[in-house]
């Protein structure tokens, strides 16, 4: 019997028994259940277990936060329950039975962008480093950059652009691949479709605005502009889903004996035609319109109001899963404006929730059992993983969650007021400063101090006024 065998037995009973579990898996910190009847789960009882740091329901999955020892807990749970575990993809697929149409759409969007995040974060860090060495005039009385005075660093700057260009300019390739992977169709066709959107034969998307003449394919009685879609999100997604449904259609109607020839040929050819003739131009306009609206909100006369509202509501959006939509908006802002002012506010919201937990660490300093949850949750939140902090601490007590929202709003107002901009999506916590454009790092540091101080002080003040730290356990269901 393993270390967590007893808690595993109790958890099995509290989720409604073996017969109530449709699928189970785990991620880095959480057990992920798909329950046949979610109402049978005894949430208060589950959260009383010593091994459990919190629970929540999201995207049709009942998730129990265990922490970094989740792998050991999972093994013990499988052993005592006699249930065969499945992959995370299988759990996500099974979870769709508990999702409505909006939740399924949001889940699909999240699953498309999730595999791309590591590359985007890496690209953002590289762009941030390049800006530090080629855009900060720190030498010879503020007239030259490090690259100006050093051949070595100029070479490093040029070499690193190889990666930066691959991440951002070639983003449609990654999007098309991810869509086909998520939808279970031929991934190499997705990659090829993405390559046709960023081909060197096309006019680069970044050169369109300043071009005196746009090249075109001449078909005699009509012409189609030869425009690339570097860094464009919406055109790539429209093209990729078109490819997916064309492939499914042709696979359904084509005899097996010629399927290997007909299905890929017809699917790819028609999707490329649709992408460049119709979907690309439409998607470009849709993406530009969305980014223009958000950019206007961030830079317009009501930008302070926009920032305050966004900073305040972002943490609740995480509970619903709606925050996944921000990835596409961030990437479109980067493509259209060379940076995003939305992502810094997201990072600050994460920091603010971690700071509320820091307040709980102070309030509960004489409670060793509470600190077993508080301390690792705070650390992981500051490093960009928010679930243990939000679901394991703040939502249990409610008021730290609200204090974090208030601190996030305050920091977001300062962030937007100072025009703080990120090169790209980065680590959503304290290390996020590495993705901020160099000229804005000082203002982001000030915002970070606000995101740390305000939630901490508010949480401590409210906690002391309450007299005791009474645990409240509302059921968080999405």
Protein backbone atom coordinates (compact mmCIF):
# COMPACT_ATOMS: atom_id res chain seq x y z
CA UNK A 1 0.00 0.00 0.00
CA UNK A 2 1.29 3.45 -0.90
CA UNK A 3 1.57 6.57 1.21
CA UNK A 4 -1.72 7.97 -0.09
CA UNK A 5 -3.74 4.74 -0.12
CA UNK A 6 -6.11 5.75 2.69
CA UNK A 7 -6.84 9.19 1.22
CA UNK A 8 -7.23 7.58 -2.20
CA UNK A 9 -9.85 5.16 -0.82
CA UNK A 10 -11.71 8.03 0.80
CA UNK A 11 -11.56 10.13 -2.37
CA UNK A 12 -12.97 7.23 -4.39
CA UNK A 13 -15.95 7.08 -2.04
CA UNK A 14 -16.44 10.86 -2.00
CA UNK A 15 -16.52 11.23 -5.80
CA UNK A 16 -19.39 8.76 -5.91
CA UNK A 17 -17.57 5.47 -6.21
CA UNK A 18 -16.03 3.61 -9.11
CA UNK A 19 -19.32 3.52 -11.02
CA UNK A 20 -19.50 7.34 -11.09
CA UNK A 21 -16.08 7.76 -12.76
CA UNK A 22 -16.17 7.89 -16.56
CA UNK A 23 -12.45 8.65 -16.85
CA UNK A 24 -9.53 9.74 -14.65
CA UNK A 25 -6.08 11.11 -15.33
CA UNK A 26 -3.73 13.67 -13.81
CA UNK A 27 -1.62 16.66 -14.81
CA UNK A 28 1.24 18.40 -13.00
CA UNK A 29 -0.69 19.18 -9.80
CA UNK A 30 -4.26 17.86 -10.21
CA UNK A 31 -6.33 14.71 -10.43
CA UNK A 32 -8.72 15.08 -13.36
CA UNK A 33 -12.05 13.25 -13.18
CA UNK A 34 -14.91 13.01 -15.64
CA UNK A 35 -17.89 12.08 -13.49
CA UNK A 36 -21.05 10.50 -14.84
CA UNK A 37 -23.04 12.50 -12.28
CA UNK A 38 -21.03 15.48 -10.97
CA UNK A 39 -23.70 16.15 -8.33
CA UNK A 40 -22.68 12.98 -6.48
CA UNK A 41 -19.26 14.42 -5.62
CA UNK A 42 -19.04 15.49 -1.96
CA UNK A 43 -16.96 18.63 -2.46
CA UNK A 44 -16.74 19.70 1.23
CA UNK A 45 -15.76 16.17 2.22
CA UNK A 46 -13.13 15.96 -0.51
CA UNK A 47 -11.55 19.25 0.51
CA UNK A 48 -11.23 18.03 4.11
CA UNK A 49 -8.84 15.28 3.03
CA UNK A 50 -5.31 15.95 4.20
CA UNK A 51 -3.80 15.31 0.76
CA UNK A 52 -6.24 17.64 -1.00
CA UNK A 53 -5.47 21.34 -1.44
CA UNK A 54 -8.71 22.29 -3.20
CA UNK A 55 -11.04 21.34 -6.00
CA UNK A 56 -12.93 22.93 -8.87
CA UNK A 57 -14.92 22.02 -11.94
CA UNK A 58 -13.79 23.31 -15.32
CA UNK A 59 -14.42 22.29 -18.93
CA UNK A 60 -16.53 19.34 -17.81
CA UNK A 61 -13.79 17.97 -15.55
CA UNK A 62 -13.86 17.71 -11.76
CA UNK A 63 -10.30 18.55 -10.76
CA UNK A 64 -8.81 17.81 -7.34
CA UNK A 65 -5.63 19.72 -6.47
CA UNK A 66 -3.03 17.46 -4.86
CA UNK A 67 0.22 19.30 -5.56
CA UNK A 68 3.56 18.14 -6.91
CA UNK A 69 3.09 14.65 -5.41
CA UNK A 70 0.04 14.04 -7.60
CA UNK A 71 1.79 11.27 -9.54
CA UNK A 72 2.20 9.17 -6.37
CA UNK A 73 -1.38 9.91 -5.32
CA UNK A 74 -2.64 8.94 -8.77
CA UNK A 75 -0.80 5.62 -8.67
CA UNK A 76 -2.31 4.81 -5.27
CA UNK A 77 -5.77 5.84 -6.48
CA UNK A 78 -5.53 3.57 -9.52
CA UNK A 79 -4.37 0.73 -7.28
CA UNK A 80 -7.17 1.00 -4.70
CA UNK A 81 -9.95 1.78 -7.18
CA UNK A 82 -9.16 -0.83 -9.80
CA UNK A 83 -9.84 1.80 -12.47
CA UNK A 84 -7.57 1.93 -15.48
CA UNK A 85 -6.28 5.45 -15.99
CA UNK A 86 -6.40 7.10 -19.39
CA UNK A 87 -4.52 9.92 -21.11
CA UNK A 88 -5.36 13.59 -20.59
CA UNK A 89 -6.65 13.72 -24.16
CA UNK A 90 -9.04 10.87 -23.42
CA UNK A 91 -10.25 12.65 -20.29
CA UNK A 92 -10.84 15.84 -22.28
CA UNK A 93 -12.76 13.89 -24.86
CA UNK A 94 -14.92 12.23 -22.22
CA UNK A 95 -15.47 15.57 -20.46
CA UNK A 96 -17.40 16.90 -23.45
CA UNK A 97 -20.47 15.05 -22.16
CA UNK A 98 -20.61 17.60 -19.32
CA UNK A 99 -20.01 20.71 -21.48
CA UNK A 100 -22.40 23.10 -23.17
CA UNK A 101 -21.73 24.55 -26.64
CA UNK A 102 -19.84 27.61 -25.33
CA UNK A 103 -17.64 25.49 -23.07
CA UNK A 104 -16.83 23.15 -25.97
CA UNK A 105 -15.85 26.12 -28.14
CA UNK A 106 -13.61 27.58 -25.42
CA UNK A 107 -12.05 24.18 -24.76
CA UNK A 108 -11.29 23.76 -28.46
CA UNK A 109 -9.65 27.19 -28.57
CA UNK A 110 -7.58 26.41 -25.48
CA UNK A 111 -6.48 23.05 -26.90
CA UNK A 112 -5.35 24.71 -30.13
CA UNK A 113 -3.13 27.26 -28.38
CA UNK A 114 -1.87 25.17 -25.45
CA UNK A 115 0.79 23.27 -27.48
CA UNK A 116 2.05 26.60 -28.89
CA UNK A 117 2.56 28.39 -25.57
CA UNK A 118 6.10 27.05 -24.82
CA UNK A 119 7.33 28.28 -28.21
CA UNK A 120 5.59 31.64 -27.83
CA UNK A 121 7.07 32.16 -24.37
CA UNK A 122 10.53 31.28 -25.67
CA UNK A 123 10.10 33.67 -28.58
CA UNK A 124 8.99 36.43 -26.23
CA UNK A 125 12.03 36.00 -24.01
CA UNK A 126 14.32 36.06 -27.03
CA UNK A 127 12.72 39.26 -28.37
CA UNK A 128 13.03 40.83 -24.93
CA UNK A 129 16.73 39.96 -24.74
CA UNK A 130 17.33 41.26 -28.28
CA UNK A 131 15.64 44.53 -27.39
CA UNK A 132 17.95 44.88 -24.40
CA UNK A 133 21.09 44.59 -26.53
CA UNK A 134 19.98 46.38 -29.69
CA UNK A 135 17.50 49.02 -28.49
CA UNK A 136 18.80 50.33 -25.16
CA UNK A 137 21.19 53.25 -25.71
CA UNK A 138 23.35 52.85 -22.63
CA UNK A 139 26.84 53.47 -24.00
CA UNK A 140 28.91 56.47 -25.11
CA UNK A 141 26.68 59.04 -23.45
CA UNK A 142 23.48 57.30 -24.47
CA UNK A 143 24.19 57.27 -28.20
CA UNK A 144 24.97 53.60 -28.81
CA UNK A 145 23.62 50.16 -27.92
CA UNK A 146 25.59 47.06 -26.95
CA UNK A 147 25.26 45.82 -30.53
CA UNK A 148 26.68 49.10 -31.84
CA UNK A 149 29.91 48.73 -29.86
CA UNK A 150 30.35 44.95 -30.01
CA UNK A 151 30.59 42.72 -33.07
CA UNK A 152 30.00 39.68 -30.86
CA UNK A 153 26.70 40.94 -29.48
CA UNK A 154 25.62 42.14 -32.92
CA UNK A 155 26.17 38.59 -34.13
CA UNK A 156 24.18 37.17 -31.20
CA UNK A 157 21.37 39.61 -31.97
CA UNK A 158 21.26 38.53 -35.62
CA UNK A 159 21.47 34.83 -34.76
CA UNK A 160 18.65 34.97 -32.20
CA UNK A 161 16.31 36.48 -34.77
CA UNK A 162 16.43 33.06 -36.48
CA UNK A 163 14.37 31.73 -33.56
CA UNK A 164 12.23 34.85 -33.10
CA UNK A 165 11.22 34.84 -36.76
CA UNK A 166 10.42 31.13 -36.66
CA UNK A 167 8.16 31.59 -33.64
CA UNK A 168 6.21 34.68 -34.66
CA UNK A 169 6.40 35.11 -38.43
CA UNK A 170 5.78 31.39 -38.97
CA UNK A 171 3.03 31.19 -36.33
CA UNK A 172 0.34 30.13 -38.88
CA UNK A 173 2.29 26.90 -39.44
CA UNK A 174 2.03 26.07 -35.75
CA UNK A 175 -1.66 27.01 -35.62
CA UNK A 176 -2.57 24.87 -38.65
CA UNK A 177 -0.62 21.92 -37.23
CA UNK A 178 -2.26 22.30 -33.81
CA UNK A 179 -5.78 22.47 -35.28
CA UNK A 180 -5.29 19.28 -37.30
CA UNK A 181 -3.75 17.56 -34.27
CA UNK A 182 -6.64 18.59 -32.03
CA UNK A 183 -9.25 17.55 -34.62
CA UNK A 184 -7.60 14.22 -35.38
CA UNK A 185 -6.86 14.78 -39.08
CA UNK A 186 -3.61 14.58 -41.06
CA UNK A 187 -1.08 16.82 -39.33
CA UNK A 188 1.40 17.06 -42.21
CA UNK A 189 -1.35 18.57 -44.37
CA UNK A 190 -1.87 21.18 -41.67
CA UNK A 191 1.83 21.99 -41.68
CA UNK A 192 1.88 22.34 -45.47
CA UNK A 193 -1.22 24.54 -45.40
CA UNK A 194 0.50 26.76 -42.83
CA UNK A 195 3.61 26.98 -45.01
CA UNK A 196 1.52 28.18 -47.94
CA UNK A 197 0.33 31.07 -45.77
CA UNK A 198 3.88 32.28 -45.02
CA UNK A 199 5.70 31.27 -48.22
CA UNK A 200 8.60 33.43 -49.39
CA UNK A 201 6.80 33.74 -52.76
CA UNK A 202 4.24 35.99 -51.07
CA UNK A 203 4.51 39.62 -50.03
CA UNK A 204 5.34 39.55 -46.32
CA UNK A 205 2.39 40.68 -44.18
CA UNK A 206 4.58 43.26 -42.45
CA UNK A 207 5.44 44.85 -45.83
CA UNK A 208 1.86 45.23 -47.08
CA UNK A 209 1.23 48.65 -45.53
CA UNK A 210 4.29 50.24 -47.16
CA UNK A 211 4.15 48.41 -50.49
CA UNK A 212 3.77 50.54 -53.63
CA UNK A 213 2.58 47.53 -55.60
CA UNK A 214 1.15 44.25 -54.40
CA UNK A 215 1.99 41.21 -56.53
CA UNK A 216 -0.93 39.10 -57.73
CA UNK A 217 -1.78 35.81 -59.38
CA UNK A 218 -3.30 36.65 -62.76
CA UNK A 219 -5.92 34.16 -63.91
CA UNK A 220 -6.90 36.20 -66.95
CA UNK A 221 -10.38 37.26 -65.92
CA UNK A 222 -9.54 37.89 -62.24
CA UNK A 223 -6.56 38.45 -59.97
CA UNK A 224 -5.76 37.39 -56.41
CA UNK A 225 -3.25 39.30 -54.30
CA UNK A 226 -0.15 37.32 -53.31
CA UNK A 227 -0.16 38.37 -49.65
CA UNK A 228 1.42 36.37 -46.83
CA UNK A 229 -0.19 35.95 -43.43
CA UNK A 230 2.87 36.03 -41.19
CA UNK A 231 1.90 36.15 -37.49
CA UNK A 232 -1.82 36.24 -38.38
CA UNK A 233 -4.07 34.18 -36.11
CA UNK A 234 -7.60 34.33 -37.53
CA UNK A 235 -6.69 33.55 -41.17
CA UNK A 236 -4.66 30.54 -40.05
CA UNK A 237 -7.47 29.20 -37.86
CA UNK A 238 -10.10 29.66 -40.58
CA UNK A 239 -7.90 27.92 -43.14
CA UNK A 240 -7.01 25.08 -40.77
CA UNK A 241 -10.60 24.29 -39.79
CA UNK A 242 -11.57 24.40 -43.47
CA UNK A 243 -8.87 21.81 -44.18
CA UNK A 244 -10.09 19.66 -41.29
CA UNK A 245 -13.70 19.55 -42.42
CA UNK A 246 -12.78 19.09 -46.07
CA UNK A 247 -10.62 16.11 -45.16
CA UNK A 248 -13.38 14.60 -43.03
CA UNK A 249 -15.87 15.15 -45.86
CA UNK A 250 -13.72 13.58 -48.57
CA UNK A 251 -12.69 10.70 -46.31
CA UNK A 252 -16.38 9.96 -45.74
CA UNK A 253 -17.41 9.93 -49.42
CA UNK A 254 -14.26 8.54 -51.08
CA UNK A 255 -13.88 4.79 -51.72
CA UNK A 256 -11.07 3.28 -49.68
CA UNK A 257 -9.20 2.08 -52.79
CA UNK A 258 -8.48 5.68 -53.93
CA UNK A 259 -8.68 7.41 -50.56
CA UNK A 260 -4.90 7.81 -50.23
CA UNK A 261 -4.83 9.89 -53.42
CA UNK A 262 -8.15 11.74 -53.46
CA UNK A 263 -8.51 12.79 -49.82
CA UNK A 264 -5.20 14.64 -49.26
CA UNK A 265 -5.12 16.11 -52.78
CA UNK A 266 -8.64 17.53 -52.77
CA UNK A 267 -8.53 18.61 -49.13
CA UNK A 268 -5.25 20.48 -49.37
CA UNK A 269 -5.84 22.04 -52.79
CA UNK A 270 -9.30 23.35 -51.94
CA UNK A 271 -8.26 24.62 -48.50
CA UNK A 272 -5.28 26.52 -49.96
CA UNK A 273 -7.52 28.05 -52.63
CA UNK A 274 -10.09 29.01 -49.98
CA UNK A 275 -7.37 30.41 -47.72
CA UNK A 276 -5.89 32.79 -50.31
CA UNK A 277 -9.01 33.63 -52.30
CA UNK A 278 -11.54 34.14 -49.49
CA UNK A 279 -10.64 33.19 -45.92
CA UNK A 280 -7.29 34.98 -45.67
CA UNK A 281 -8.58 38.45 -46.60
CA UNK A 282 -11.70 37.99 -44.43
CA UNK A 283 -9.70 36.62 -41.51
CA UNK A 284 -7.21 39.48 -41.79
CA UNK A 285 -10.02 42.03 -41.50
CA UNK A 286 -11.65 40.19 -38.58
CA UNK A 287 -8.34 39.91 -36.72
CA UNK A 288 -7.49 43.55 -37.36
CA UNK A 289 -10.95 44.62 -36.19
CA UNK A 290 -10.66 42.67 -32.93
CA UNK A 291 -7.17 43.96 -32.19
CA UNK A 292 -8.25 47.51 -33.10
CA UNK A 293 -11.14 47.39 -30.64
CA UNK A 294 -8.95 46.04 -27.84
CA UNK A 295 -6.15 48.49 -28.69
CA UNK A 296 -8.65 51.35 -28.65
CA UNK A 297 -9.82 50.21 -25.22
CA UNK A 298 -6.26 50.13 -23.92
CA UNK A 299 -5.15 53.42 -25.46
CA UNK A 300 -8.37 55.45 -25.77
CA UNK A 301 -9.85 58.10 -23.51
CA UNK A 302 -11.44 55.43 -21.29
CA UNK A 303 -8.31 53.30 -21.06
CA UNK A 304 -8.16 53.65 -17.27
CA UNK A 305 -11.70 52.32 -16.95
CA UNK A 306 -10.94 49.49 -19.40
CA UNK A 307 -7.81 48.56 -17.46
CA UNK A 308 -9.56 48.63 -14.10
CA UNK A 309 -12.39 46.41 -15.30
CA UNK A 310 -10.09 43.96 -17.08
CA UNK A 311 -7.72 43.73 -14.13
CA UNK A 312 -10.63 43.14 -11.75
CA UNK A 313 -12.45 40.47 -13.77
CA UNK A 314 -9.52 38.50 -15.18
CA UNK A 315 -9.23 36.13 -12.21
CA UNK A 316 -12.96 35.22 -12.38
CA UNK A 317 -12.49 34.63 -16.11
CA UNK A 318 -9.88 32.01 -15.24
CA UNK A 319 -12.53 30.13 -13.25
CA UNK A 320 -14.83 30.01 -16.27
CA UNK A 321 -12.07 29.20 -18.76
CA UNK A 322 -12.90 32.29 -20.85
CA UNK A 323 -9.36 33.59 -20.28
CA UNK A 324 -8.12 31.26 -23.02
CA UNK A 325 -9.53 33.68 -25.59
CA UNK A 326 -6.89 36.24 -24.55
CA UNK A 327 -4.13 34.20 -26.24
CA UNK A 328 -5.50 34.84 -29.72
CA UNK A 329 -6.05 38.54 -28.95
CA UNK A 330 -2.52 38.93 -27.58
CA UNK A 331 -0.99 37.33 -30.66
CA UNK A 332 -3.06 39.54 -32.96
CA UNK A 333 -2.00 42.66 -31.04
CA UNK A 334 1.64 41.60 -31.39
CA UNK A 335 1.19 41.12 -35.13
CA UNK A 336 -0.59 44.45 -35.66
CA UNK A 337 1.16 46.73 -33.16
CA UNK A 338 4.50 45.08 -32.41
CA UNK A 339 3.59 44.25 -28.82
CA UNK A 340 0.70 43.65 -26.42
CA UNK A 341 -0.49 45.74 -23.49
CA UNK A 342 -3.03 43.08 -22.57
CA UNK A 343 -0.64 40.37 -21.43
CA UNK A 344 1.16 42.49 -18.77
CA UNK A 345 -2.21 42.93 -17.03
CA UNK A 346 -2.71 39.17 -17.11
CA UNK A 347 0.68 38.58 -15.50
CA UNK A 348 -0.14 41.18 -12.84
CA UNK A 349 -3.45 39.47 -12.06
CA UNK A 350 -1.59 36.22 -11.43
CA UNK A 351 0.91 38.01 -9.18
CA UNK A 352 -1.94 39.67 -7.27
CA UNK A 353 -3.59 36.31 -6.51
CA UNK A 354 -0.24 35.01 -5.28
CA UNK A 355 0.11 38.07 -3.05
CA UNK A 356 -3.29 37.41 -1.51
CA UNK A 357 -1.98 33.96 -0.59
CA UNK A 358 1.08 35.69 0.88
CA UNK A 359 -1.35 37.56 3.12
CA UNK A 360 -2.86 34.23 4.19
CA UNK A 361 0.63 32.93 4.96
CA UNK A 362 1.06 35.87 7.34
CA UNK A 363 -2.37 35.44 8.91
CA UNK A 364 -2.00 31.68 9.35
CA UNK A 365 1.67 31.65 10.38
CA UNK A 366 0.78 29.64 13.49
CA UNK A 367 -1.19 27.05 11.53
CA UNK A 368 1.29 24.47 10.14
CA UNK A 369 -1.41 22.52 8.36
CA UNK A 370 -2.61 25.59 6.47
CA UNK A 371 0.98 26.54 5.59
CA UNK A 372 1.46 23.19 3.88
CA UNK A 373 -0.99 24.49 1.27
CA UNK A 374 -0.29 28.22 1.45
CA UNK A 375 3.48 28.28 0.90
CA UNK A 376 3.76 26.05 -2.19
CA UNK A 377 0.62 27.68 -3.64
CA UNK A 378 2.14 31.15 -3.28
CA UNK A 379 5.44 30.10 -4.83
CA UNK A 380 3.80 28.37 -7.80
CA UNK A 381 1.52 31.37 -8.36
CA UNK A 382 4.47 33.77 -8.44
CA UNK A 383 6.04 31.46 -11.02
CA UNK A 384 2.91 31.54 -13.20
CA UNK A 385 0.85 28.51 -12.07
CA UNK A 386 -2.25 29.99 -10.44
CA UNK A 387 -4.63 27.08 -9.82
CA UNK A 388 -3.25 25.95 -6.43
CA UNK A 389 -3.39 29.53 -5.14
CA UNK A 390 -6.83 30.39 -6.50
CA UNK A 391 -8.65 27.12 -5.89
CA UNK A 392 -6.61 25.80 -3.00
CA UNK A 393 -6.53 28.97 -0.88
CA UNK A 394 -8.20 32.14 -2.09
CA UNK A 395 -11.59 30.79 -3.16
CA UNK A 396 -11.87 28.75 0.03
CA UNK A 397 -11.74 31.93 2.12
CA UNK A 398 -13.33 34.15 -0.59
CA UNK A 399 -12.01 37.49 0.71
CA UNK A 400 -8.36 36.89 -0.38
CA UNK A 401 -9.68 36.23 -3.89
CA UNK A 402 -11.51 39.56 -3.90
CA UNK A 403 -8.48 41.35 -2.42
CA UNK A 404 -6.38 39.89 -5.23
CA UNK A 405 -8.90 41.17 -7.78
CA UNK A 406 -8.72 44.68 -6.29
CA UNK A 407 -4.92 44.64 -6.30
CA UNK A 408 -4.93 43.40 -9.88
CA UNK A 409 -7.23 46.27 -10.92
CA UNK A 410 -4.95 48.84 -9.26
CA UNK A 411 -1.87 47.44 -10.94
CA UNK A 412 -3.65 47.21 -14.32
CA UNK A 413 -4.62 50.89 -14.17
CA UNK A 414 -1.00 51.92 -13.63
CA UNK A 415 0.14 49.45 -16.28
CA UNK A 416 -2.11 50.90 -18.98
CA UNK A 417 -1.58 54.49 -17.85
CA UNK A 418 2.17 54.05 -18.39
CA UNK A 419 1.72 52.21 -21.71
CA UNK A 420 3.54 49.13 -20.43
CA UNK A 421 3.94 46.73 -23.35
CA UNK A 422 5.20 43.16 -23.69
CA UNK A 423 7.02 41.71 -26.66
CA UNK A 424 4.98 38.53 -26.41
CA UNK A 425 3.19 36.19 -24.06
CA UNK A 426 5.58 35.21 -21.27
CA UNK A 427 5.63 33.50 -17.89
CA UNK A 428 2.50 34.72 -16.10
CA UNK A 429 4.16 35.66 -12.81
CA UNK A 430 7.20 37.49 -11.45
CA UNK A 431 9.49 36.22 -14.27
CA UNK A 432 7.08 37.91 -16.69
CA UNK A 433 9.21 41.06 -16.56
CA UNK A 434 11.64 39.31 -18.92
CA UNK A 435 9.02 39.52 -21.69
CA UNK A 436 8.38 43.24 -21.21
CA UNK A 437 9.89 45.68 -23.69
CA UNK A 438 13.04 47.18 -22.12
CA UNK A 439 11.75 50.74 -22.04
CA UNK A 440 8.76 49.57 -20.00
CA UNK A 441 10.51 47.27 -17.52
CA UNK A 442 10.72 49.99 -14.84
CA UNK A 443 6.98 50.74 -15.06
CA UNK A 444 6.16 47.01 -14.97
CA UNK A 445 8.33 46.67 -11.86
CA UNK A 446 6.28 49.43 -10.19
CA UNK A 447 3.07 47.68 -11.23
CA UNK A 448 4.43 44.44 -9.79
CA UNK A 449 5.08 46.14 -6.44
CA UNK A 450 1.46 47.34 -6.45
CA UNK A 451 0.24 43.84 -7.35
CA UNK A 452 2.20 42.47 -4.40
CA UNK A 453 1.52 45.17 -1.79
CA UNK A 454 -2.19 45.93 -2.28
CA UNK A 455 -3.56 42.35 -2.13
CA UNK A 456 -1.20 41.46 0.74
CA UNK A 457 -2.18 44.48 2.86
CA UNK A 458 -5.91 44.16 2.06
CA UNK A 459 -5.93 40.43 2.86
CA UNK A 460 -4.13 40.97 6.18
CA UNK A 461 -6.41 43.89 7.10
CA UNK A 462 -9.63 42.02 6.28
CA UNK A 463 -8.37 38.84 7.94
CA UNK A 464 -7.51 40.67 11.16
CA UNK A 465 -10.84 42.49 11.17
CA UNK A 466 -12.66 39.18 10.91
CA UNK A 467 -10.83 38.11 14.04
CA UNK A 468 -10.42 34.52 12.89
CA UNK A 469 -9.53 32.98 9.59
CA UNK A 470 -12.72 31.04 9.05
CA UNK A 471 -12.65 28.66 6.10
CA UNK A 472 -15.57 28.98 3.73
CA UNK A 473 -15.94 26.33 1.05
CA UNK A 474 -18.20 27.46 -1.75
CA UNK A 475 -18.68 24.99 -4.56
CA UNK A 476 -16.96 26.37 -7.63
CA UNK A 477 -18.75 24.92 -10.61
CA UNK A 478 -18.39 25.89 -14.20
